[in-house]
Every structure is written in C-alpha cells, then in structure tokens.
Amino acid sequence: INSHIKEIINQSQPRNLYPPIQYMLAGGGKRLRPILTLISCRAVGGQVEEALDAACAIELLHNFTLVHDDIMDDDDMRRGRPTVHKKWDQGIAILAGDGLIGLAFQSLLRTRSPQISQILNLFTEGVIEVCEGQALDKEFEDRPRVSLDEYFNMIRKKTGKMIALSAQVGGLIGGGGPEQVAGLEMYGSLIGKAFQIQDDLLDITSSEEVIGKTFGSDITAGKKTYLTIKAREMLMGREHPLLSPNRKRGWDRADLHSIREFFEELGVIKAARQEAEGCIVAADRELRVFADPRSREELEAFSALVLNRKR
C-alpha cells in the first residue's frame, strides 16, 4: 500500500500542493482502511492486487478528512508531527486536502471491475456522508445536550461509513455475492463504531507520545464524545463543574487529568470499553455469511487488532 501510494504521488511541482500531500502521507498511519479493503477482497475469493488501486483511493480520501479535520479543530499534532496547516498554513492545507480527493478518485478509476459503476457511486456517497458526519460533529460542539443516539448517528457517518466502505468495496471487487457484501458492510460499520469510541477513550486516557496527537484535544475543543455524553446520562440531570454547558473553554492539563479521574470514578471509561468490545463481537457475528472459517480468519484477526489498539 505504501509503495503504491508513492507511485501515485510522485510529483514535486507545484510545491504548494504535492510536498504537503507527501508529507501527510509519509507521517505513518495504520493503513487500516486499505488493509480491510484487501482482506475483504481476499475473503470472497478475489486477488488483493485487483483491489489495490481502490484500497489506496480509500486511504487518500481518509487523509483528506484528516487534513481538513485538523484545520477545523486547530490541532497542532497528527501522527507525532506538526499538522499540515501548522507546518505550512491553512490555505495550503485546504489545497492539499482538495488535491487528495482528486487523487483518490483518479486512483479508484484505475480499478478494473465489472462493478466499477456501483463502486464509484458508493465512494461518492462515502465522501458526502463523511462530510455530513463532520458537520454534525461541529454542530454538536455548540449544543448543551446531545443524546447517545445522535452521537451514534454522527459517528456512523463520520467514521463508520469509511470503514464500512472499505470492506464493501473489497467484497465487490473480489466478486462477492450480495449476502457477503452486505455482511462485510455491516461488519465494517460496527468496526467503525468501536474505532470511534476507542478514539474518544484514547483522547483522554493515552499520552501524546503514544497517540501522536494533542492530549485531550476533543475535550478542549468542546466535542461531544461518548465519554462526555455517557457521563451526563449517568449523572441523571445532576451537574458537574467539568461538564457544565456554561463552562468556557481553556482547559489546562490539570483540568484534563481531573476529568479523566472523574470519568474513571463514574464508570464512564469502563462503559466505553464495554461498548467498543460489544461492537467488535457483533461485527464478528456478521462474518457468519462466510461458511468457510478460513475466509473469516483475516477479518477476525483485523477485529482483534482494532480491539487491542493503543493509538
């Protein structure tokens, strides 16, 4: 995947477009989405080489969302390095994000598959849904209350859609039947739900050195995470100074450590871990559409990888 991405983006000019894109893609990343595309293709009997262009397209699209997300949240770090808009400026970062979308579609259209029209439609729908999810995420910042159902709908679009798309596209390219492709889509959506809940957890429980981004950035930005929403639900109408909707932003590290301790005492962190684990178990159940256990092995290993990730 990394080698193929380098081949896709081998230009050096204009210098305000390609070097920032290359910088973003060279920063590491787990490449989970393209890996899921490839193993989903193999699970239905396809060859991974057939899905490589589509897999890389999904990774390019994912990185577009990260570049623009960092601008909107004014995050300083991504993958342990300065974000694109901090290393250059906002205008160049926006341009890099736009370029990544174009390169993603260009890569996708190299895919040779009888299902390319359906894949292209699904990919385009994915772009729109990710933007809808990001819009909801921003809207929630200014709302005093958000329900868990609203939160789950938001992360289904913002995070779950891209991971579901990864599995679904892999299944289509590999020649999977309708039942298998539908099972892969639901599997990916549940993995995405678990993934976002874990991200919410890591934001406040891990260190910058491990996760590679600013500690407590979601809390500082006023985002409605699983933790903050579940805490308000468990408080049953009682207010807490750290969760007050009237609290002005300007968190320091002492505040962030205090809210982490509060979440632990209230049982919110335990609840989040249980929710994520439940999603992984449910995702693996969707793999019953594969009668041959050998077809499920890589996907079940992928589930375990997501469940046990530390960053």
Protein backbone atom coordinates (compact mmCIF):
# COMPACT_ATOMS: atom_id res chain seq x y z
CA ILE A 1 0.00 0.00 0.00
CA ASN A 2 2.74 2.47 0.95
CA SER A 3 4.75 1.67 -2.18
CA HIS A 4 1.70 2.08 -4.40
CA ILE A 5 0.80 5.43 -2.80
CA LYS A 6 4.33 6.67 -3.51
CA GLU A 7 3.86 5.74 -7.17
CA ILE A 8 0.54 7.59 -7.28
CA ILE A 9 2.02 10.78 -5.81
CA ASN A 10 5.49 11.15 -7.28
CA GLN A 11 5.27 14.77 -8.43
CA SER A 12 7.22 17.61 -6.81
CA GLN A 13 5.52 20.58 -8.50
CA PRO A 14 3.60 22.70 -7.71
CA ARG A 15 5.49 22.83 -4.41
CA ASN A 16 2.46 24.16 -2.53
CA LEU A 17 0.45 21.07 -3.48
CA TYR A 18 2.43 17.84 -3.73
CA PRO A 19 5.07 18.21 -0.96
CA PRO A 20 2.34 18.88 1.68
CA ILE A 21 0.39 15.86 0.40
CA GLN A 22 3.52 13.69 0.51
CA TYR A 23 4.31 14.99 3.99
CA MET A 24 0.86 14.00 5.23
CA LEU A 25 1.06 10.52 3.73
CA ALA A 26 4.64 9.94 4.92
CA GLY A 27 3.64 10.57 8.52
CA GLY A 28 2.75 6.94 9.09
CA GLY A 29 -0.76 5.91 9.91
CA LYS A 30 -2.08 2.42 10.44
CA ARG A 31 -3.46 1.97 6.89
CA LEU A 32 -6.34 0.04 8.44
CA ARG A 33 -8.89 1.02 5.82
CA PRO A 34 -6.91 -0.11 2.75
CA ILE A 35 -5.83 -3.26 4.58
CA LEU A 36 -9.50 -4.02 5.25
CA THR A 37 -10.29 -3.50 1.56
CA LEU A 38 -7.62 -6.02 0.55
CA ILE A 39 -8.54 -8.71 3.07
CA SER A 40 -12.26 -8.29 2.29
CA CYS A 41 -11.43 -8.87 -1.38
CA ARG A 42 -9.48 -12.00 -0.45
CA ALA A 43 -12.25 -13.22 1.90
CA VAL A 44 -14.68 -13.53 -1.02
CA GLY A 45 -12.09 -15.26 -3.20
CA GLY A 46 -10.58 -12.30 -5.05
CA GLN A 47 -6.92 -11.36 -5.57
CA VAL A 48 -5.62 -8.45 -3.48
CA GLU A 49 -3.85 -6.93 -6.49
CA GLU A 50 -7.26 -6.34 -8.07
CA ALA A 51 -8.28 -4.11 -5.14
CA LEU A 52 -5.02 -2.20 -4.64
CA ASP A 53 -6.00 0.96 -6.55
CA ALA A 54 -9.33 1.14 -4.72
CA ALA A 55 -7.65 0.47 -1.37
CA CYS A 56 -5.21 3.33 -1.92
CA ALA A 57 -8.07 5.57 -3.07
CA ILE A 58 -9.78 4.99 0.27
CA GLU A 59 -6.56 5.82 2.15
CA LEU A 60 -6.14 9.05 0.15
CA LEU A 61 -9.73 10.00 0.91
CA HIS A 62 -9.20 9.23 4.60
CA ASN A 63 -6.16 11.51 4.68
CA PHE A 64 -8.21 14.29 3.07
CA THR A 65 -10.60 14.07 6.02
CA LEU A 66 -7.70 14.23 8.49
CA VAL A 67 -6.12 17.32 6.90
CA HIS A 68 -9.40 19.24 6.94
CA ASP A 69 -10.39 17.89 10.36
CA ASP A 70 -7.11 19.20 11.82
CA ILE A 71 -7.82 22.65 10.35
CA MET A 72 -11.35 22.74 11.77
CA ASP A 73 -10.18 21.63 15.22
CA ASP A 74 -6.95 23.67 15.06
CA ASP A 75 -4.96 20.64 16.17
CA ASP A 76 -1.19 21.04 16.44
CA MET A 77 -0.12 17.42 16.03
CA ARG A 78 -1.00 14.46 13.86
CA ARG A 79 0.93 11.18 13.99
CA GLY A 80 3.53 12.76 16.24
CA ARG A 81 4.35 15.60 13.82
CA PRO A 82 3.03 19.12 13.18
CA THR A 83 -0.23 19.09 11.25
CA VAL A 84 -0.14 20.30 7.64
CA HIS A 85 -1.71 23.68 8.44
CA LYS A 86 0.83 24.25 11.23
CA LYS A 87 3.84 23.28 9.09
CA TRP A 88 2.60 25.38 6.14
CA ASP A 89 -0.61 27.39 6.56
CA GLN A 90 -4.37 26.92 6.35
CA GLY A 91 -4.64 27.80 2.67
CA ILE A 92 -2.03 25.24 1.64
CA ALA A 93 -3.61 22.62 3.92
CA ILE A 94 -7.04 23.17 2.33
CA LEU A 95 -5.44 22.85 -1.10
CA ALA A 96 -3.66 19.63 -0.06
CA GLY A 97 -6.96 18.19 1.16
CA ASP A 98 -8.68 19.10 -2.09
CA GLY A 99 -5.84 17.52 -4.06
CA LEU A 100 -6.19 14.32 -2.05
CA ILE A 101 -9.85 13.99 -3.08
CA GLY A 102 -8.95 14.32 -6.75
CA LEU A 103 -6.11 11.83 -6.46
CA ALA A 104 -8.43 9.42 -4.63
CA PHE A 105 -10.95 9.41 -7.48
CA GLN A 106 -8.14 9.11 -10.02
CA SER A 107 -6.80 6.03 -8.24
CA LEU A 108 -10.26 4.50 -7.85
CA LEU A 109 -10.96 4.84 -11.58
CA ARG A 110 -7.92 2.67 -12.36
CA THR A 111 -9.78 -0.27 -10.79
CA ARG A 112 -10.76 -2.92 -13.31
CA SER A 113 -14.02 -4.41 -12.14
CA PRO A 114 -17.44 -5.10 -13.66
CA GLN A 115 -18.81 -3.37 -10.55
CA ILE A 116 -16.89 -0.10 -11.07
CA SER A 117 -20.06 1.98 -11.58
CA GLN A 118 -21.53 0.76 -8.28
CA ILE A 119 -18.17 1.20 -6.53
CA LEU A 120 -17.87 4.77 -7.81
CA ASN A 121 -21.38 5.58 -6.58
CA LEU A 122 -20.63 4.10 -3.15
CA PHE A 123 -17.34 6.01 -2.96
CA THR A 124 -19.06 9.29 -3.82
CA GLU A 125 -21.78 8.63 -1.25
CA GLY A 126 -18.98 7.98 1.25
CA VAL A 127 -17.45 11.42 0.61
CA ILE A 128 -20.83 13.06 1.22
CA GLU A 129 -21.59 11.05 4.37
CA VAL A 130 -18.19 11.79 5.89
CA CYS A 131 -18.83 15.50 5.34
CA GLU A 132 -22.28 15.14 6.90
CA GLY A 133 -20.76 13.42 9.92
CA GLN A 134 -18.14 16.14 10.31
CA ALA A 135 -20.88 18.79 10.04
CA LEU A 136 -22.87 17.10 12.81
CA ASP A 137 -19.73 16.84 14.95
CA LYS A 138 -19.23 20.62 14.61
CA GLU A 139 -22.90 21.36 15.30
CA PHE A 140 -22.80 19.28 18.48
CA GLU A 141 -19.98 21.44 19.89
CA ASP A 142 -22.42 24.33 20.30
CA ARG A 143 -25.26 22.27 21.74
CA PRO A 144 -25.57 21.85 25.51
CA ARG A 145 -27.03 18.35 25.20
CA VAL A 146 -26.56 15.54 22.69
CA SER A 147 -28.09 12.07 23.07
CA LEU A 148 -26.18 8.83 22.58
CA ASP A 149 -28.44 8.01 19.61
CA GLU A 150 -27.46 11.30 17.97
CA TYR A 151 -23.81 10.61 18.71
CA PHE A 152 -24.03 7.10 17.22
CA ASN A 153 -25.63 8.50 14.07
CA MET A 154 -22.83 11.06 13.79
CA ILE A 155 -20.02 8.53 14.14
CA ARG A 156 -21.79 6.13 11.76
CA LYS A 157 -21.33 8.81 9.11
CA LYS A 158 -18.01 10.36 10.18
CA THR A 159 -16.06 7.19 11.00
CA GLY A 160 -18.17 4.12 10.36
CA LYS A 161 -19.01 4.92 6.74
CA MET A 162 -15.38 4.94 5.55
CA ILE A 163 -14.59 1.64 7.28
CA ALA A 164 -17.82 0.06 6.02
CA LEU A 165 -16.98 1.33 2.53
CA SER A 166 -13.53 -0.25 2.74
CA ALA A 167 -14.97 -3.71 3.41
CA GLN A 168 -17.85 -3.31 0.97
CA VAL A 169 -15.65 -2.20 -1.93
CA GLY A 170 -13.20 -5.03 -1.29
CA GLY A 171 -16.06 -7.52 -1.39
CA LEU A 172 -17.41 -6.11 -4.64
CA ILE A 173 -14.03 -6.14 -6.39
CA GLY A 174 -13.41 -9.70 -5.22
CA GLY A 175 -16.70 -10.86 -6.75
CA GLY A 176 -18.59 -11.47 -3.51
CA GLY A 177 -22.28 -12.26 -3.60
CA PRO A 178 -24.93 -9.79 -2.32
CA GLU A 179 -25.18 -11.50 1.09
CA GLN A 180 -21.40 -11.48 1.58
CA VAL A 181 -21.04 -7.84 0.52
CA ALA A 182 -23.91 -6.80 2.82
CA GLY A 183 -22.30 -8.71 5.69
CA LEU A 184 -18.96 -7.01 5.03
CA GLU A 185 -20.62 -3.60 5.00
CA MET A 186 -22.30 -4.21 8.38
CA TYR A 187 -19.07 -5.68 9.75
CA GLY A 188 -17.19 -2.53 8.73
CA SER A 189 -19.84 -0.22 10.16
CA LEU A 190 -19.64 -1.93 13.57
CA ILE A 191 -15.84 -1.88 13.48
CA GLY A 192 -16.06 1.85 12.72
CA LYS A 193 -18.35 2.42 15.70
CA ALA A 194 -15.90 0.64 18.00
CA PHE A 195 -13.00 2.53 16.45
CA GLN A 196 -14.51 5.96 17.16
CA ILE A 197 -15.42 5.09 20.75
CA GLN A 198 -11.83 3.96 21.22
CA ASP A 199 -10.61 7.26 19.73
CA ASP A 200 -12.72 9.11 22.30
CA LEU A 201 -11.13 6.98 25.02
CA LEU A 202 -7.57 7.39 23.80
CA ASP A 203 -8.01 11.17 23.59
CA ILE A 204 -8.21 11.35 27.39
CA THR A 205 -6.51 8.15 28.57
CA SER A 206 -3.39 7.94 26.41
CA SER A 207 -0.33 10.15 26.05
CA GLU A 208 0.67 12.40 23.16
CA GLU A 209 3.73 10.23 22.59
CA VAL A 210 1.57 7.14 22.07
CA ILE A 211 -1.38 8.53 20.11
CA GLY A 212 0.68 11.11 18.20
CA LYS A 213 -1.77 13.98 18.67
CA THR A 214 -2.57 16.60 21.29
CA PHE A 215 -3.69 15.13 24.63
CA GLY A 216 -7.32 15.91 25.39
CA SER A 217 -7.88 17.77 22.12
CA ASP A 218 -11.51 16.60 21.79
CA ILE A 219 -12.41 17.73 25.31
CA THR A 220 -10.59 21.04 24.83
CA ALA A 221 -12.49 21.66 21.57
CA GLY A 222 -15.82 21.06 23.31
CA LYS A 223 -16.62 17.95 21.29
CA LYS A 224 -19.43 15.69 22.36
CA THR A 225 -17.66 12.35 22.79
CA TYR A 226 -19.02 9.04 24.02
CA LEU A 227 -17.44 9.83 27.39
CA THR A 228 -18.99 13.26 27.91
CA ILE A 229 -22.43 12.16 26.69
CA LYS A 230 -22.41 8.96 28.77
CA ALA A 231 -21.24 10.89 31.84
CA ARG A 232 -24.17 13.30 31.58
CA GLU A 233 -26.52 10.35 31.13
CA MET A 234 -25.13 8.62 34.23
CA LEU A 235 -25.37 11.83 36.26
CA MET A 236 -29.16 11.79 35.56
CA GLY A 237 -29.62 15.54 35.43
CA ARG A 238 -27.09 16.45 38.09
CA GLU A 239 -24.50 18.99 37.03
CA HIS A 240 -20.75 18.64 37.36
CA PRO A 241 -18.47 21.69 37.04
CA LEU A 242 -16.22 19.97 34.50
CA LEU A 243 -19.20 19.09 32.29
CA SER A 244 -21.21 22.29 32.69
CA PRO A 245 -22.54 23.56 29.32
CA ASN A 246 -21.75 27.06 30.56
CA ARG A 247 -18.10 26.27 31.10
CA LYS A 248 -15.82 28.32 28.91
CA ARG A 249 -13.08 26.58 27.02
CA GLY A 250 -9.48 26.97 28.08
CA TRP A 251 -8.63 23.64 29.60
CA ASP A 252 -5.21 23.08 31.11
CA ARG A 253 -3.57 19.73 31.82
CA ALA A 254 -4.73 19.72 35.43
CA ASP A 255 -8.35 20.05 34.23
CA LEU A 256 -7.88 17.21 31.73
CA HIS A 257 -6.39 14.89 34.36
CA SER A 258 -9.25 15.80 36.71
CA ILE A 259 -11.90 14.93 34.16
CA ARG A 260 -10.14 11.64 33.36
CA GLU A 261 -10.22 10.74 37.07
CA PHE A 262 -13.89 11.76 37.21
CA PHE A 263 -14.71 9.54 34.21
CA GLU A 264 -12.93 6.62 35.88
CA GLU A 265 -14.77 7.10 39.19
CA LEU A 266 -18.14 7.44 37.46
CA GLY A 267 -17.56 4.27 35.44
CA VAL A 268 -17.69 6.00 32.06
CA ILE A 269 -14.33 4.67 30.87
CA LYS A 270 -15.39 1.13 31.73
CA ALA A 271 -18.70 1.66 29.93
CA ALA A 272 -16.89 2.93 26.81
CA ARG A 273 -14.61 -0.10 26.74
CA GLN A 274 -17.57 -2.44 27.11
CA GLU A 275 -19.44 -0.64 24.31
CA ALA A 276 -16.45 -0.95 21.98
CA GLU A 277 -15.98 -4.63 22.86
CA GLY A 278 -19.67 -5.28 22.19
CA CYS A 279 -19.36 -3.72 18.74
CA ILE A 280 -16.40 -5.95 17.91
CA VAL A 281 -18.30 -9.08 19.00
CA ALA A 282 -21.30 -8.01 16.90
CA ALA A 283 -19.02 -7.31 13.93
CA ASP A 284 -17.55 -10.80 14.07
CA ARG A 285 -21.07 -12.26 14.09
CA GLU A 286 -21.66 -10.62 10.70
CA LEU A 287 -18.88 -12.80 9.31
CA ARG A 288 -21.13 -15.84 9.52
CA VAL A 289 -22.02 -15.10 5.91
CA PHE A 290 -18.74 -16.89 5.15
CA ALA A 291 -19.39 -20.59 5.53
CA ASP A 292 -15.69 -21.48 5.31
CA PRO A 293 -13.91 -20.47 8.56
CA ARG A 294 -10.71 -19.87 6.58
CA SER A 295 -12.44 -17.00 4.76
CA ARG A 296 -13.05 -15.32 8.12
CA GLU A 297 -9.58 -15.68 9.60
CA GLU A 298 -8.01 -12.42 8.41
CA LEU A 299 -11.14 -10.40 9.17
CA GLU A 300 -11.32 -11.86 12.70
CA ALA A 301 -7.64 -11.01 13.15
CA PHE A 302 -8.43 -7.49 11.95
CA SER A 303 -11.19 -7.23 14.60
CA ALA A 304 -8.74 -8.28 17.30
CA LEU A 305 -6.21 -5.73 16.06
CA VAL A 306 -8.79 -2.93 16.31
CA LEU A 307 -9.97 -4.08 19.74
CA ASN A 308 -6.44 -4.08 21.19
CA ARG A 309 -5.05 -0.94 19.56
CA LYS A 310 -3.30 1.64 21.73
CA ARG A 311 -3.22 4.53 19.25
